[in-house]
Amino acid sequence: MDWLDWARAVFALLATLALIAGVAYGARRLGMLQPRAPGERRLRIVESLMLDPRRRLLVVRWDEREHLILLSPGSDIVVSEAAAKTETPS
């Protein structure tokens, strides 16, 4: 390998690193890399109730909203939506 091949390899490495840095910078500017506190989740199942062997009701909390969802083999239906009740510390 002569010096031109080495220069080409170094330039390719620098160009690749610049592209990675540019994508990371763009993702951060667009809010795609929002840090979350450990253990903080936006979505959780509050309660589950089996109606019969094929159907189930779920209460799903998403941010500050609760959704009542009916799951069945044929389709899934959002039965109700409401603002989530705030939990009072006891």
C-alpha atoms as a PDB file:
ATOM      1  CA  MET A   1       0.000   0.000   0.000  1.00  0.00           C
ATOM      2  CA  ASP A   2       1.336   3.370  -0.897  1.00  0.00           C
ATOM      3  CA  TRP A   3       0.560   6.652   0.835  1.00  0.00           C
ATOM      4  CA  LEU A   4      -2.413   7.376  -1.468  1.00  0.00           C
ATOM      5  CA  ASP A   5      -4.211   4.227  -0.295  1.00  0.00           C
ATOM      6  CA  TRP A   6      -3.558   5.173   3.339  1.00  0.00           C
ATOM      7  CA  ALA A   7      -4.867   8.693   2.740  1.00  0.00           C
ATOM      8  CA  ARG A   8      -7.982   7.293   1.071  1.00  0.00           C
ATOM      9  CA  ALA A   9      -8.618   4.949   4.032  1.00  0.00           C
ATOM     10  CA  VAL A  10      -8.166   7.746   6.577  1.00  0.00           C
ATOM     11  CA  PHE A  11     -10.479  10.022   4.587  1.00  0.00           C
ATOM     12  CA  ALA A  12     -13.130   7.270   4.414  1.00  0.00           C
ATOM     13  CA  LEU A  13     -12.881   6.772   8.189  1.00  0.00           C
ATOM     14  CA  LEU A  14     -13.201  10.503   8.862  1.00  0.00           C
ATOM     15  CA  ALA A  15     -16.153  10.803   6.474  1.00  0.00           C
ATOM     16  CA  THR A  16     -17.929   7.875   8.188  1.00  0.00           C
ATOM     17  CA  LEU A  17     -17.356   9.370  11.645  1.00  0.00           C
ATOM     18  CA  ALA A  18     -18.626  12.757  10.414  1.00  0.00           C
ATOM     19  CA  LEU A  19     -21.812  11.141   9.079  1.00  0.00           C
ATOM     20  CA  ILE A  20     -22.424   9.340  12.376  1.00  0.00           C
ATOM     21  CA  ALA A  21     -21.883  12.571  14.319  1.00  0.00           C
ATOM     22  CA  GLY A  22     -24.207  14.464  11.955  1.00  0.00           C
ATOM     23  CA  VAL A  23     -27.005  11.920  12.365  1.00  0.00           C
ATOM     24  CA  ALA A  24     -26.591  11.946  16.166  1.00  0.00           C
ATOM     25  CA  TYR A  25     -26.685  15.750  16.211  1.00  0.00           C
ATOM     26  CA  GLY A  26     -29.808  15.794  14.028  1.00  0.00           C
ATOM     27  CA  ALA A  27     -31.543  13.192  16.193  1.00  0.00           C
ATOM     28  CA  ARG A  28     -30.802  15.198  19.311  1.00  0.00           C
ATOM     29  CA  ARG A  29     -32.063  18.438  17.730  1.00  0.00           C
ATOM     30  CA  LEU A  30     -35.294  16.721  16.657  1.00  0.00           C
ATOM     31  CA  GLY A  31     -35.852  15.313  20.157  1.00  0.00           C
ATOM     32  CA  MET A  32     -35.362  11.678  19.244  1.00  0.00           C
ATOM     33  CA  LEU A  33     -32.851  11.085  22.031  1.00  0.00           C
ATOM     34  CA  GLN A  34     -34.850  12.255  25.035  1.00  0.00           C
ATOM     35  CA  PRO A  35     -33.384  10.809  28.215  1.00  0.00           C
ATOM     36  CA  ARG A  36     -35.855   9.190  30.607  1.00  0.00           C
ATOM     37  CA  ALA A  37     -35.452   8.607  34.290  1.00  0.00           C
ATOM     38  CA  PRO A  38     -34.723   4.958  35.076  1.00  0.00           C
ATOM     39  CA  GLY A  39     -37.936   3.064  35.691  1.00  0.00           C
ATOM     40  CA  GLU A  40     -40.149   5.806  34.257  1.00  0.00           C
ATOM     41  CA  ARG A  41     -42.587   4.343  31.772  1.00  0.00           C
ATOM     42  CA  ARG A  42     -45.284   6.062  29.792  1.00  0.00           C
ATOM     43  CA  LEU A  43     -47.417   2.992  29.184  1.00  0.00           C
ATOM     44  CA  ARG A  44     -48.640   0.476  31.736  1.00  0.00           C
ATOM     45  CA  ILE A  45     -51.492  -1.933  32.321  1.00  0.00           C
ATOM     46  CA  VAL A  46     -53.409  -0.829  35.396  1.00  0.00           C
ATOM     47  CA  GLU A  47     -55.883  -3.705  35.507  1.00  0.00           C
ATOM     48  CA  SER A  48     -56.869  -6.771  33.508  1.00  0.00           C
ATOM     49  CA  LEU A  49     -60.087  -8.787  33.627  1.00  0.00           C
ATOM     50  CA  MET A  50     -60.806 -12.036  31.755  1.00  0.00           C
ATOM     51  CA  LEU A  51     -64.420 -11.992  30.552  1.00  0.00           C
ATOM     52  CA  ASP A  52     -64.295 -15.454  29.024  1.00  0.00           C
ATOM     53  CA  PRO A  53     -61.565 -17.663  27.492  1.00  0.00           C
ATOM     54  CA  ARG A  54     -61.472 -15.501  24.345  1.00  0.00           C
ATOM     55  CA  ARG A  55     -62.050 -11.939  25.574  1.00  0.00           C
ATOM     56  CA  ARG A  56     -60.235  -9.684  28.029  1.00  0.00           C
ATOM     57  CA  LEU A  57     -60.745  -6.131  29.293  1.00  0.00           C
ATOM     58  CA  LEU A  58     -57.681  -3.983  29.971  1.00  0.00           C
ATOM     59  CA  VAL A  59     -57.300  -0.626  31.641  1.00  0.00           C
ATOM     60  CA  VAL A  60     -54.192   0.912  30.073  1.00  0.00           C
ATOM     61  CA  ARG A  61     -52.629   4.105  31.383  1.00  0.00           C
ATOM     62  CA  TRP A  62     -50.740   6.192  28.829  1.00  0.00           C
ATOM     63  CA  ASP A  63     -49.234   9.430  30.162  1.00  0.00           C
ATOM     64  CA  GLU A  64     -52.199  11.127  31.856  1.00  0.00           C
ATOM     65  CA  ARG A  65     -54.946   9.176  30.063  1.00  0.00           C
ATOM     66  CA  GLU A  66     -56.610   5.842  30.798  1.00  0.00           C
ATOM     67  CA  HIS A  67     -58.120   3.662  28.089  1.00  0.00           C
ATOM     68  CA  LEU A  68     -60.504   0.726  28.554  1.00  0.00           C
ATOM     69  CA  ILE A  69     -59.715  -1.779  25.792  1.00  0.00           C
ATOM     70  CA  LEU A  70     -61.601  -4.953  24.876  1.00  0.00           C
ATOM     71  CA  LEU A  71     -59.266  -7.584  23.393  1.00  0.00           C
ATOM     72  CA  SER A  72     -60.733 -10.436  21.387  1.00  0.00           C
ATOM     73  CA  PRO A  73     -59.520 -12.695  18.561  1.00  0.00           C
ATOM     74  CA  GLY A  74     -61.616 -10.846  15.972  1.00  0.00           C
ATOM     75  CA  SER A  75     -60.685  -7.284  16.837  1.00  0.00           C
ATOM     76  CA  ASP A  76     -59.535  -4.926  19.575  1.00  0.00           C
ATOM     77  CA  ILE A  77     -61.894  -2.120  20.595  1.00  0.00           C
ATOM     78  CA  VAL A  78     -61.266   1.012  22.663  1.00  0.00           C
ATOM     79  CA  VAL A  79     -64.378   1.065  24.839  1.00  0.00           C
ATOM     80  CA  SER A  80     -63.684   4.244  26.791  1.00  0.00           C
ATOM     81  CA  GLU A  81     -61.103   6.992  27.302  1.00  0.00           C
ATOM     82  CA  ALA A  82     -60.759   9.221  30.331  1.00  0.00           C
ATOM     83  CA  ALA A  83     -58.275  11.380  32.161  1.00  0.00           C
ATOM     84  CA  ALA A  84     -56.275   9.322  34.639  1.00  0.00           C
ATOM     85  CA  LYS A  85     -56.993   9.777  38.313  1.00  0.00           C
ATOM     86  CA  THR A  86     -54.084  11.192  40.235  1.00  0.00           C
ATOM     87  CA  GLU A  87     -52.679   8.872  42.839  1.00  0.00           C
ATOM     88  CA  THR A  88     -52.612  10.395  46.324  1.00  0.00           C
ATOM     89  CA  PRO A  89     -49.767   9.315  48.587  1.00  0.00           C
ATOM     90  CA  SER A  90     -50.919   7.683  51.813  1.00  0.00           C
END
